[in-house]
Amino acid sequence: MKKFEPVVAEVYHQTHEQWVEGFLRDVHPESEIAIWEAIAFAYQEFTNTRSLNLDAKREAFGLLLVRSSGDEDQTLASANLHHLSRADAKEVLRHYSAAPQPILYEKR
């Protein structure tokens, strides 16, 4: 978690304790952590090569969240872009290579 927490901190504000608590609620925390690692990797790859304002970064992050549970075509079809171009959206999604996985939670 220490790898992806600082990467997404500017667009997804959670304390370390909140991250841990969230993963403890997951049915399969290992796969959920892998999803967040893939999101952080794609986010970092995209944002490190561009000068983006915070709104554009948030939009890129939101695209990656949607993509984590669906495919690229579905994500682009549902995207309501205000700060990124369609080409930028495709580029950020190109960096996310993990298979779509719905996020499952177990009530305790």
PDB file of N, CA and C in Angstrom:
ATOM      1  N   MET A   1       0.819  -1.187   0.000  1.00  0.00           N
ATOM      2  CA  MET A   1       0.000   0.000   0.000  1.00  0.00           C
ATOM      3  C   MET A   1       0.864   1.252   0.000  1.00  0.00           C
ATOM      4  N   LYS A   2       2.004   1.156   0.584  1.00  0.00           N
ATOM      5  CA  LYS A   2       2.877   2.325   0.645  1.00  0.00           C
ATOM      6  C   LYS A   2       3.307   2.776  -0.742  1.00  0.00           C
ATOM      7  N   LYS A   3       3.225   1.887  -1.725  1.00  0.00           N
ATOM      8  CA  LYS A   3       3.604   2.254  -3.087  1.00  0.00           C
ATOM      9  C   LYS A   3       2.549   3.121  -3.750  1.00  0.00           C
ATOM     10  N   PHE A   4       1.282   2.795  -3.593  1.00  0.00           N
ATOM     11  CA  PHE A   4       0.255   3.527  -4.323  1.00  0.00           C
ATOM     12  C   PHE A   4      -0.398   4.642  -3.520  1.00  0.00           C
ATOM     13  N   GLU A   5      -0.344   4.583  -2.208  1.00  0.00           N
ATOM     14  CA  GLU A   5      -0.968   5.641  -1.404  1.00  0.00           C
ATOM     15  C   GLU A   5      -0.465   7.032  -1.779  1.00  0.00           C
ATOM     16  N   PRO A   6       0.848   7.255  -1.806  1.00  0.00           N
ATOM     17  CA  PRO A   6       1.309   8.612  -2.139  1.00  0.00           C
ATOM     18  C   PRO A   6       1.049   9.004  -3.594  1.00  0.00           C
ATOM     19  N   VAL A   7       0.955   8.032  -4.476  1.00  0.00           N
ATOM     20  CA  VAL A   7       0.728   8.327  -5.892  1.00  0.00           C
ATOM     21  C   VAL A   7      -0.655   8.921  -6.106  1.00  0.00           C
ATOM     22  N   VAL A   8      -1.670   8.381  -5.447  1.00  0.00           N
ATOM     23  CA  VAL A   8      -3.043   8.842  -5.661  1.00  0.00           C
ATOM     24  C   VAL A   8      -3.526   9.817  -4.593  1.00  0.00           C
ATOM     25  N   ALA A   9      -2.671  10.176  -3.658  1.00  0.00           N
ATOM     26  CA  ALA A   9      -3.069  11.012  -2.524  1.00  0.00           C
ATOM     27  C   ALA A   9      -3.658  12.358  -2.943  1.00  0.00           C
ATOM     28  N   GLU A  10      -3.145  12.945  -4.004  1.00  0.00           N
ATOM     29  CA  GLU A  10      -3.640  14.264  -4.400  1.00  0.00           C
ATOM     30  C   GLU A  10      -5.056  14.225  -4.971  1.00  0.00           C
ATOM     31  N   VAL A  11      -5.513  13.072  -5.408  1.00  0.00           N
ATOM     32  CA  VAL A  11      -6.855  12.961  -5.990  1.00  0.00           C
ATOM     33  C   VAL A  11      -7.773  12.024  -5.209  1.00  0.00           C
ATOM     34  N   TYR A  12      -7.217  11.300  -4.263  1.00  0.00           N
ATOM     35  CA  TYR A  12      -8.011  10.357  -3.464  1.00  0.00           C
ATOM     36  C   TYR A  12      -7.491  10.419  -2.033  1.00  0.00           C
ATOM     37  N   HIS A  13      -8.131  11.262  -1.243  1.00  0.00           N
ATOM     38  CA  HIS A  13      -7.650  11.559   0.108  1.00  0.00           C
ATOM     39  C   HIS A  13      -8.131  10.514   1.104  1.00  0.00           C
ATOM     40  N   GLN A  14      -7.201   9.697   1.561  1.00  0.00           N
ATOM     41  CA  GLN A  14      -7.477   8.721   2.608  1.00  0.00           C
ATOM     42  C   GLN A  14      -6.234   8.602   3.481  1.00  0.00           C
ATOM     43  N   THR A  15      -6.453   8.397   4.751  1.00  0.00           N
ATOM     44  CA  THR A  15      -5.324   8.134   5.634  1.00  0.00           C
ATOM     45  C   THR A  15      -4.899   6.677   5.453  1.00  0.00           C
ATOM     46  N   HIS A  16      -3.720   6.367   5.921  1.00  0.00           N
ATOM     47  CA  HIS A  16      -3.251   4.983   5.854  1.00  0.00           C
ATOM     48  C   HIS A  16      -4.229   4.072   6.598  1.00  0.00           C
ATOM     49  N   GLU A  17      -4.729   4.540   7.711  1.00  0.00           N
ATOM     50  CA  GLU A  17      -5.675   3.748   8.500  1.00  0.00           C
ATOM     51  C   GLU A  17      -6.958   3.486   7.725  1.00  0.00           C
ATOM     52  N   GLN A  18      -7.420   4.465   6.962  1.00  0.00           N
ATOM     53  CA  GLN A  18      -8.621   4.263   6.149  1.00  0.00           C
ATOM     54  C   GLN A  18      -8.371   3.237   5.046  1.00  0.00           C
ATOM     55  N   TRP A  19      -7.178   3.283   4.439  1.00  0.00           N
ATOM     56  CA  TRP A  19      -6.834   2.268   3.440  1.00  0.00           C
ATOM     57  C   TRP A  19      -6.877   0.884   4.063  1.00  0.00           C
ATOM     58  N   VAL A  20      -6.214   0.727   5.208  1.00  0.00           N
ATOM     59  CA  VAL A  20      -6.150  -0.579   5.873  1.00  0.00           C
ATOM     60  C   VAL A  20      -7.549  -1.062   6.221  1.00  0.00           C
ATOM     61  N   GLU A  21      -8.357  -0.180   6.794  1.00  0.00           N
ATOM     62  CA  GLU A  21      -9.719  -0.561   7.165  1.00  0.00           C
ATOM     63  C   GLU A  21     -10.523  -1.011   5.944  1.00  0.00           C
ATOM     64  N   GLY A  22     -10.370  -0.301   4.851  1.00  0.00           N
ATOM     65  CA  GLY A  22     -11.082  -0.678   3.630  1.00  0.00           C
ATOM     66  C   GLY A  22     -10.673  -2.044   3.124  1.00  0.00           C
ATOM     67  N   PHE A  23      -9.373  -2.323   3.154  1.00  0.00           N
ATOM     68  CA  PHE A  23      -8.907  -3.626   2.675  1.00  0.00           C
ATOM     69  C   PHE A  23      -9.320  -4.745   3.619  1.00  0.00           C
ATOM     70  N   LEU A  24      -9.436  -4.456   4.891  1.00  0.00           N
ATOM     71  CA  LEU A  24      -9.893  -5.476   5.839  1.00  0.00           C
ATOM     72  C   LEU A  24     -11.339  -5.869   5.570  1.00  0.00           C
ATOM     73  N   ARG A  25     -12.105  -4.988   4.961  1.00  0.00           N
ATOM     74  CA  ARG A  25     -13.504  -5.282   4.634  1.00  0.00           C
ATOM     75  C   ARG A  25     -13.656  -6.032   3.323  1.00  0.00           C
ATOM     76  N   ASP A  26     -12.617  -6.044   2.514  1.00  0.00           N
ATOM     77  CA  ASP A  26     -12.686  -6.717   1.215  1.00  0.00           C
ATOM     78  C   ASP A  26     -12.723  -8.222   1.372  1.00  0.00           C
ATOM     79  N   VAL A  27     -13.483  -8.847   0.491  1.00  0.00           N
ATOM     80  CA  VAL A  27     -13.545 -10.304   0.464  1.00  0.00           C
ATOM     81  C   VAL A  27     -12.184 -10.871   0.045  1.00  0.00           C
ATOM     82  N   HIS A  28     -11.547 -10.222  -0.934  1.00  0.00           N
ATOM     83  CA  HIS A  28     -10.239 -10.645  -1.430  1.00  0.00           C
ATOM     84  C   HIS A  28      -9.298  -9.441  -1.445  1.00  0.00           C
ATOM     85  N   PRO A  29      -8.723  -9.114  -0.284  1.00  0.00           N
ATOM     86  CA  PRO A  29      -7.894  -7.901  -0.217  1.00  0.00           C
ATOM     87  C   PRO A  29      -6.687  -7.927  -1.148  1.00  0.00           C
ATOM     88  N   GLU A  30      -6.128  -9.095  -1.403  1.00  0.00           N
ATOM     89  CA  GLU A  30      -4.952  -9.157  -2.286  1.00  0.00           C
ATOM     90  C   GLU A  30      -5.292  -8.687  -3.691  1.00  0.00           C
ATOM     91  N   SER A  31      -6.429  -9.117  -4.213  1.00  0.00           N
ATOM     92  CA  SER A  31      -6.803  -8.691  -5.563  1.00  0.00           C
ATOM     93  C   SER A  31      -7.191  -7.211  -5.577  1.00  0.00           C
ATOM     94  N   GLU A  32      -7.786  -6.738  -4.507  1.00  0.00           N
ATOM     95  CA  GLU A  32      -8.129  -5.313  -4.419  1.00  0.00           C
ATOM     96  C   GLU A  32      -6.859  -4.452  -4.386  1.00  0.00           C
ATOM     97  N   ILE A  33      -5.856  -4.898  -3.658  1.00  0.00           N
ATOM     98  CA  ILE A  33      -4.581  -4.176  -3.622  1.00  0.00           C
ATOM     99  C   ILE A  33      -3.950  -4.173  -5.012  1.00  0.00           C
ATOM    100  N   ALA A  34      -4.034  -5.279  -5.712  1.00  0.00           N
ATOM    101  CA  ALA A  34      -3.497  -5.349  -7.076  1.00  0.00           C
ATOM    102  C   ALA A  34      -4.210  -4.356  -8.000  1.00  0.00           C
ATOM    103  N   ILE A  35      -5.510  -4.184  -7.827  1.00  0.00           N
ATOM    104  CA  ILE A  35      -6.268  -3.217  -8.613  1.00  0.00           C
ATOM    105  C   ILE A  35      -5.746  -1.806  -8.342  1.00  0.00           C
ATOM    106  N   TRP A  36      -5.573  -1.481  -7.072  1.00  0.00           N
ATOM    107  CA  TRP A  36      -5.073  -0.155  -6.719  1.00  0.00           C
ATOM    108  C   TRP A  36      -3.648   0.061  -7.216  1.00  0.00           C
ATOM    109  N   GLU A  37      -2.857  -0.967  -7.212  1.00  0.00           N
ATOM    110  CA  GLU A  37      -1.504  -0.840  -7.767  1.00  0.00           C
ATOM    111  C   GLU A  37      -1.561  -0.554  -9.267  1.00  0.00           C
ATOM    112  N   ALA A  38      -2.463  -1.217  -9.973  1.00  0.00           N
ATOM    113  CA  ALA A  38      -2.614  -0.985 -11.417  1.00  0.00           C
ATOM    114  C   ALA A  38      -3.136   0.427 -11.688  1.00  0.00           C
ATOM    115  N   ILE A  39      -4.082   0.887 -10.876  1.00  0.00           N
ATOM    116  CA  ILE A  39      -4.596   2.250 -11.014  1.00  0.00           C
ATOM    117  C   ILE A  39      -3.474   3.253 -10.784  1.00  0.00           C
ATOM    118  N   ALA A  40      -2.716   3.069  -9.711  1.00  0.00           N
ATOM    119  CA  ALA A  40      -1.630   3.998  -9.387  1.00  0.00           C
ATOM    120  C   ALA A  40      -0.565   4.012 -10.477  1.00  0.00           C
ATOM    121  N   PHE A  41      -0.230   2.851 -11.005  1.00  0.00           N
ATOM    122  CA  PHE A  41       0.764   2.774 -12.075  1.00  0.00           C
ATOM    123  C   PHE A  41       0.296   3.568 -13.290  1.00  0.00           C
ATOM    124  N   ALA A  42      -0.935   3.310 -13.731  1.00  0.00           N
ATOM    125  CA  ALA A  42      -1.464   3.989 -14.909  1.00  0.00           C
ATOM    126  C   ALA A  42      -1.575   5.491 -14.661  1.00  0.00           C
ATOM    127  N   TYR A  43      -2.037   5.870 -13.495  1.00  0.00           N
ATOM    128  CA  TYR A  43      -2.167   7.282 -13.145  1.00  0.00           C
ATOM    129  C   TYR A  43      -0.809   7.976 -13.189  1.00  0.00           C
ATOM    130  N   GLN A  44       0.181   7.350 -12.591  1.00  0.00           N
ATOM    131  CA  GLN A  44       1.518   7.929 -12.554  1.00  0.00           C
ATOM    132  C   GLN A  44       2.146   8.008 -13.946  1.00  0.00           C
ATOM    133  N   GLU A  45       1.983   6.958 -14.727  1.00  0.00           N
ATOM    134  CA  GLU A  45       2.521   6.965 -16.091  1.00  0.00           C
ATOM    135  C   GLU A  45       1.920   8.104 -16.911  1.00  0.00           C
ATOM    136  N   PHE A  46       0.629   8.326 -16.752  1.00  0.00           N
ATOM    137  CA  PHE A  46      -0.046   9.374 -17.510  1.00  0.00           C
ATOM    138  C   PHE A  46       0.305  10.763 -16.986  1.00  0.00           C
ATOM    139  N   THR A  47       0.221  10.964 -15.690  1.00  0.00           N
ATOM    140  CA  THR A  47       0.407  12.315 -15.146  1.00  0.00           C
ATOM    141  C   THR A  47       1.862  12.758 -15.131  1.00  0.00           C
ATOM    142  N   ASN A  48       2.800  11.847 -15.075  1.00  0.00           N
ATOM    143  CA  ASN A  48       4.218  12.234 -15.026  1.00  0.00           C
ATOM    144  C   ASN A  48       4.721  12.807 -16.346  1.00  0.00           C
ATOM    145  N   THR A  49       4.028  12.564 -17.419  1.00  0.00           N
ATOM    146  CA  THR A  49       4.504  13.031 -18.722  1.00  0.00           C
ATOM    147  C   THR A  49       3.720  14.249 -19.223  1.00  0.00           C
ATOM    148  N   ARG A  50       2.872  14.806 -18.363  1.00  0.00           N
ATOM    149  CA  ARG A  50       2.032  15.940 -18.761  1.00  0.00           C
ATOM    150  C   ARG A  50       1.956  16.974 -17.647  1.00  0.00           C
ATOM    151  N   SER A  51       1.680  18.190 -18.053  1.00  0.00           N
ATOM    152  CA  SER A  51       1.425  19.256 -17.099  1.00  0.00           C
ATOM    153  C   SER A  51      -0.091  19.405 -17.002  1.00  0.00           C
ATOM    154  N   LEU A  52      -0.660  18.837 -15.957  1.00  0.00           N
ATOM    155  CA  LEU A  52      -2.117  18.813 -15.806  1.00  0.00           C
ATOM    156  C   LEU A  52      -2.527  19.565 -14.547  1.00  0.00           C
ATOM    157  N   ASN A  53      -3.669  20.222 -14.603  1.00  0.00           N
ATOM    158  CA  ASN A  53      -4.195  20.814 -13.377  1.00  0.00           C
ATOM    159  C   ASN A  53      -4.896  19.729 -12.563  1.00  0.00           C
ATOM    160  N   LEU A  54      -5.268  20.069 -11.354  1.00  0.00           N
ATOM    161  CA  LEU A  54      -5.852  19.073 -10.454  1.00  0.00           C
ATOM    162  C   LEU A  54      -7.163  18.508 -10.997  1.00  0.00           C
ATOM    163  N   ASP A  55      -7.958  19.324 -11.645  1.00  0.00           N
ATOM    164  CA  ASP A  55      -9.222  18.822 -12.213  1.00  0.00           C
ATOM    165  C   ASP A  55      -8.974  17.768 -13.291  1.00  0.00           C
ATOM    166  N   ALA A  56      -7.987  17.988 -14.126  1.00  0.00           N
ATOM    167  CA  ALA A  56      -7.651  17.003 -15.157  1.00  0.00           C
ATOM    168  C   ALA A  56      -7.121  15.724 -14.524  1.00  0.00           C
ATOM    169  N   LYS A  57      -6.333  15.856 -13.471  1.00  0.00           N
ATOM    170  CA  LYS A  57      -5.817  14.678 -12.763  1.00  0.00           C
ATOM    171  C   LYS A  57      -6.963  13.897 -12.135  1.00  0.00           C
ATOM    172  N   ARG A  58      -7.916  14.605 -11.563  1.00  0.00           N
ATOM    173  CA  ARG A  58      -9.084  13.928 -10.970  1.00  0.00           C
ATOM    174  C   ARG A  58      -9.877  13.191 -12.037  1.00  0.00           C
ATOM    175  N   GLU A  59     -10.011  13.800 -13.197  1.00  0.00           N
ATOM    176  CA  GLU A  59     -10.741  13.152 -14.286  1.00  0.00           C
ATOM    177  C   GLU A  59     -10.013  11.888 -14.747  1.00  0.00           C
ATOM    178  N   ALA A  60      -8.695  11.965 -14.869  1.00  0.00           N
ATOM    179  CA  ALA A  60      -7.903  10.788 -15.243  1.00  0.00           C
ATOM    180  C   ALA A  60      -8.071   9.681 -14.212  1.00  0.00           C
ATOM    181  N   PHE A  61      -8.016  10.053 -12.948  1.00  0.00           N
ATOM    182  CA  PHE A  61      -8.182   9.078 -11.871  1.00  0.00           C
ATOM    183  C   PHE A  61      -9.575   8.444 -11.921  1.00  0.00           C
ATOM    184  N   GLY A  62     -10.584   9.257 -12.156  1.00  0.00           N
ATOM    185  CA  GLY A  62     -11.948   8.736 -12.252  1.00  0.00           C
ATOM    186  C   GLY A  62     -12.107   7.747 -13.394  1.00  0.00           C
ATOM    187  N   LEU A  63     -11.474   8.041 -14.520  1.00  0.00           N
ATOM    188  CA  LEU A  63     -11.508   7.103 -15.647  1.00  0.00           C
ATOM    189  C   LEU A  63     -10.894   5.764 -15.243  1.00  0.00           C
ATOM    190  N   LEU A  64      -9.795   5.823 -14.510  1.00  0.00           N
ATOM    191  CA  LEU A  64      -9.129   4.589 -14.091  1.00  0.00           C
ATOM    192  C   LEU A  64      -9.981   3.797 -13.098  1.00  0.00           C
ATOM    193  N   LEU A  65     -10.683   4.498 -12.226  1.00  0.00           N
ATOM    194  CA  LEU A  65     -11.578   3.799 -11.292  1.00  0.00           C
ATOM    195  C   LEU A  65     -12.669   3.049 -12.053  1.00  0.00           C
ATOM    196  N   VAL A  66     -13.260   3.717 -13.021  1.00  0.00           N
ATOM    197  CA  VAL A  66     -14.314   3.073 -13.825  1.00  0.00           C
ATOM    198  C   VAL A  66     -13.721   1.903 -14.603  1.00  0.00           C
ATOM    199  N   ARG A  67     -12.556   2.119 -15.173  1.00  0.00           N
ATOM    200  CA  ARG A  67     -11.894   1.080 -15.974  1.00  0.00           C
ATOM    201  C   ARG A  67     -11.551  -0.151 -15.146  1.00  0.00           C
ATOM    202  N   SER A  68     -11.274   0.034 -13.871  1.00  0.00           N
ATOM    203  CA  SER A  68     -10.895  -1.110 -13.033  1.00  0.00           C
ATOM    204  C   SER A  68     -12.009  -2.143 -12.906  1.00  0.00           C
ATOM    205  N   SER A  69     -13.246  -1.723 -13.148  1.00  0.00           N
ATOM    206  CA  SER A  69     -14.347  -2.684 -13.054  1.00  0.00           C
ATOM    207  C   SER A  69     -15.075  -2.901 -14.378  1.00  0.00           C
ATOM    208  N   GLY A  70     -14.536  -2.331 -15.462  1.00  0.00           N
ATOM    209  CA  GLY A  70     -15.138  -2.511 -16.777  1.00  0.00           C
ATOM    210  C   GLY A  70     -14.069  -2.464 -17.845  1.00  0.00           C
ATOM    211  N   ASP A  71     -14.476  -2.621 -19.078  1.00  0.00           N
ATOM    212  CA  ASP A  71     -13.459  -2.588 -20.133  1.00  0.00           C
ATOM    213  C   ASP A  71     -13.263  -1.165 -20.662  1.00  0.00           C
ATOM    214  N   GLU A  72     -12.258  -1.021 -21.495  1.00  0.00           N
ATOM    215  CA  GLU A  72     -11.887   0.301 -22.004  1.00  0.00           C
ATOM    216  C   GLU A  72     -13.010   0.924 -22.827  1.00  0.00           C
ATOM    217  N   ASP A  73     -13.653   0.150 -23.681  1.00  0.00           N
ATOM    218  CA  ASP A  73     -14.725   0.690 -24.516  1.00  0.00           C
ATOM    219  C   ASP A  73     -15.897   1.190 -23.676  1.00  0.00           C
ATOM    220  N   GLN A  74     -16.277   0.419 -22.671  1.00  0.00           N
ATOM    221  CA  GLN A  74     -17.364   0.839 -21.779  1.00  0.00           C
ATOM    222  C   GLN A  74     -16.990   2.122 -21.042  1.00  0.00           C
ATOM    223  N   THR A  75     -15.743   2.174 -20.582  1.00  0.00           N
ATOM    224  CA  THR A  75     -15.282   3.346 -19.847  1.00  0.00           C
ATOM    225  C   THR A  75     -15.332   4.588 -20.724  1.00  0.00           C
ATOM    226  N   LEU A  76     -14.831   4.473 -21.940  1.00  0.00           N
ATOM    227  CA  LEU A  76     -14.849   5.622 -22.855  1.00  0.00           C
ATOM    228  C   LEU A  76     -16.272   6.015 -23.237  1.00  0.00           C
ATOM    229  N   ALA A  77     -17.133   5.026 -23.429  1.00  0.00           N
ATOM    230  CA  ALA A  77     -18.514   5.311 -23.816  1.00  0.00           C
ATOM    231  C   ALA A  77     -19.261   6.072 -22.721  1.00  0.00           C
ATOM    232  N   SER A  78     -18.939   5.810 -21.482  1.00  0.00           N
ATOM    233  CA  SER A  78     -19.635   6.467 -20.371  1.00  0.00           C
ATOM    234  C   SER A  78     -18.908   7.716 -19.871  1.00  0.00           C
ATOM    235  N   ALA A  79     -17.753   8.008 -20.437  1.00  0.00           N
ATOM    236  CA  ALA A  79     -16.950   9.138 -19.962  1.00  0.00           C
ATOM    237  C   ALA A  79     -17.612  10.467 -20.296  1.00  0.00           C
ATOM    238  N   ASN A  80     -17.678  11.333 -19.305  1.00  0.00           N
ATOM    239  CA  ASN A  80     -18.186  12.689 -19.471  1.00  0.00           C
ATOM    240  C   ASN A  80     -16.993  13.615 -19.243  1.00  0.00           C
ATOM    241  N   LEU A  81     -16.241  13.860 -20.297  1.00  0.00           N
ATOM    242  CA  LEU A  81     -14.968  14.567 -20.188  1.00  0.00           C
ATOM    243  C   LEU A  81     -15.156  16.085 -20.197  1.00  0.00           C
ATOM    244  N   HIS A  82     -14.496  16.740 -19.239  1.00  0.00           N
ATOM    245  CA  HIS A  82     -14.508  18.196 -19.154  1.00  0.00           C
ATOM    246  C   HIS A  82     -13.095  18.778 -19.180  1.00  0.00           C
ATOM    247  N   HIS A  83     -12.111  17.987 -18.745  1.00  0.00           N
ATOM    248  CA  HIS A  83     -10.747  18.499 -18.585  1.00  0.00           C
ATOM    249  C   HIS A  83      -9.717  17.745 -19.416  1.00  0.00           C
ATOM    250  N   LEU A  84     -10.102  16.612 -19.939  1.00  0.00           N
ATOM    251  CA  LEU A  84      -9.224  15.817 -20.794  1.00  0.00           C
ATOM    252  C   LEU A  84      -9.853  15.669 -22.167  1.00  0.00           C
ATOM    253  N   SER A  85      -9.012  15.556 -23.157  1.00  0.00           N
ATOM    254  CA  SER A  85      -9.519  15.272 -24.507  1.00  0.00           C
ATOM    255  C   SER A  85      -9.825  13.780 -24.610  1.00  0.00           C
ATOM    256  N   ARG A  86     -10.522  13.406 -25.638  1.00  0.00           N
ATOM    257  CA  ARG A  86     -10.803  11.986 -25.897  1.00  0.00           C
ATOM    258  C   ARG A  86      -9.488  11.229 -26.078  1.00  0.00           C
ATOM    259  N   ALA A  87      -8.529  11.839 -26.764  1.00  0.00           N
ATOM    260  CA  ALA A  87      -7.211  11.213 -26.964  1.00  0.00           C
ATOM    261  C   ALA A  87      -6.498  11.025 -25.633  1.00  0.00           C
ATOM    262  N   ASP A  88      -6.604  12.010 -24.737  1.00  0.00           N
ATOM    263  CA  ASP A  88      -6.007  11.878 -23.402  1.00  0.00           C
ATOM    264  C   ASP A  88      -6.667  10.736 -22.631  1.00  0.00           C
ATOM    265  N   ALA A  89      -7.985  10.650 -22.728  1.00  0.00           N
ATOM    266  CA  ALA A  89      -8.708   9.584 -22.029  1.00  0.00           C
ATOM    267  C   ALA A  89      -8.248   8.213 -22.525  1.00  0.00           C
ATOM    268  N   LYS A  90      -8.106   8.078 -23.823  1.00  0.00           N
ATOM    269  CA  LYS A  90      -7.627   6.809 -24.373  1.00  0.00           C
ATOM    270  C   LYS A  90      -6.213   6.513 -23.889  1.00  0.00           C
ATOM    271  N   GLU A  91      -5.403   7.547 -23.817  1.00  0.00           N
ATOM    272  CA  GLU A  91      -4.015   7.369 -23.376  1.00  0.00           C
ATOM    273  C   GLU A  91      -3.937   6.927 -21.916  1.00  0.00           C
ATOM    274  N   VAL A  92      -4.698   7.560 -21.043  1.00  0.00           N
ATOM    275  CA  VAL A  92      -4.647   7.157 -19.632  1.00  0.00           C
ATOM    276  C   VAL A  92      -5.119   5.715 -19.485  1.00  0.00           C
ATOM    277  N   LEU A  93      -6.134   5.335 -20.229  1.00  0.00           N
ATOM    278  CA  LEU A  93      -6.646   3.967 -20.146  1.00  0.00           C
ATOM    279  C   LEU A  93      -5.683   2.953 -20.758  1.00  0.00           C
ATOM    280  N   ARG A  94      -4.907   3.387 -21.719  1.00  0.00           N
ATOM    281  CA  ARG A  94      -3.909   2.500 -22.325  1.00  0.00           C
ATOM    282  C   ARG A  94      -2.888   2.022 -21.285  1.00  0.00           C
ATOM    283  N   HIS A  95      -2.644   2.828 -20.286  1.00  0.00           N
ATOM    284  CA  HIS A  95      -1.671   2.477 -19.245  1.00  0.00           C
ATOM    285  C   HIS A  95      -2.232   1.477 -18.228  1.00  0.00           C
ATOM    286  N   TYR A  96      -3.534   1.260 -18.228  1.00  0.00           N
ATOM    287  CA  TYR A  96      -4.160   0.319 -17.288  1.00  0.00           C
ATOM    288  C   TYR A  96      -4.354  -1.010 -17.999  1.00  0.00           C
ATOM    289  N   SER A  97      -3.613  -2.002 -17.587  1.00  0.00           N
ATOM    290  CA  SER A  97      -3.638  -3.263 -18.321  1.00  0.00           C
ATOM    291  C   SER A  97      -4.296  -4.422 -17.566  1.00  0.00           C
ATOM    292  N   ALA A  98      -4.721  -4.188 -16.349  1.00  0.00           N
ATOM    293  CA  ALA A  98      -5.337  -5.278 -15.576  1.00  0.00           C
ATOM    294  C   ALA A  98      -6.728  -5.593 -16.125  1.00  0.00           C
ATOM    295  N   ALA A  99      -7.139  -6.813 -15.943  1.00  0.00           N
ATOM    296  CA  ALA A  99      -8.479  -7.235 -16.363  1.00  0.00           C
ATOM    297  C   ALA A  99      -9.517  -6.568 -15.463  1.00  0.00           C
ATOM    298  N   PRO A 100     -10.686  -6.251 -16.006  1.00  0.00           N
ATOM    299  CA  PRO A 100     -11.741  -5.658 -15.175  1.00  0.00           C
ATOM    300  C   PRO A 100     -12.147  -6.608 -14.055  1.00  0.00           C
ATOM    301  N   GLN A 101     -12.297  -6.037 -12.864  1.00  0.00           N
ATOM    302  CA  GLN A 101     -12.710  -6.836 -11.709  1.00  0.00           C
ATOM    303  C   GLN A 101     -13.680  -6.032 -10.875  1.00  0.00           C
ATOM    304  N   PRO A 102     -14.881  -6.529 -10.710  1.00  0.00           N
ATOM    305  CA  PRO A 102     -15.803  -5.824  -9.824  1.00  0.00           C
ATOM    306  C   PRO A 102     -15.257  -5.858  -8.402  1.00  0.00           C
ATOM    307  N   ILE A 103     -15.514  -4.800  -7.676  1.00  0.00           N
ATOM    308  CA  ILE A 103     -15.040  -4.706  -6.294  1.00  0.00           C
ATOM    309  C   ILE A 103     -16.122  -5.290  -5.393  1.00  0.00           C
ATOM    310  N   LEU A 104     -15.762  -6.285  -4.605  1.00  0.00           N
ATOM    311  CA  LEU A 104     -16.698  -6.980  -3.735  1.00  0.00           C
ATOM    312  C   LEU A 104     -16.394  -6.662  -2.264  1.00  0.00           C
ATOM    313  N   TYR A 105     -17.432  -6.445  -1.500  1.00  0.00           N
ATOM    314  CA  TYR A 105     -17.287  -6.191  -0.078  1.00  0.00           C
ATOM    315  C   TYR A 105     -18.119  -7.189   0.698  1.00  0.00           C
ATOM    316  N   GLU A 106     -17.648  -7.531   1.849  1.00  0.00           N
ATOM    317  CA  GLU A 106     -18.358  -8.451   2.717  1.00  0.00           C
ATOM    318  C   GLU A 106     -18.834  -7.670   3.933  1.00  0.00           C
ATOM    319  N   LYS A 107     -20.126  -7.747   4.244  1.00  0.00           N
ATOM    320  CA  LYS A 107     -20.646  -7.075   5.444  1.00  0.00           C
ATOM    321  C   LYS A 107     -20.249  -7.885   6.658  1.00  0.00           C
ATOM    322  N   ARG A 108     -19.798  -7.156   7.648  1.00  0.00           N
ATOM    323  CA  ARG A 108     -19.420  -7.824   8.913  1.00  0.00           C
ATOM    324  C   ARG A 108     -20.222  -7.286  10.056  1.00  0.00           C
TER     325      ARG A 108
END
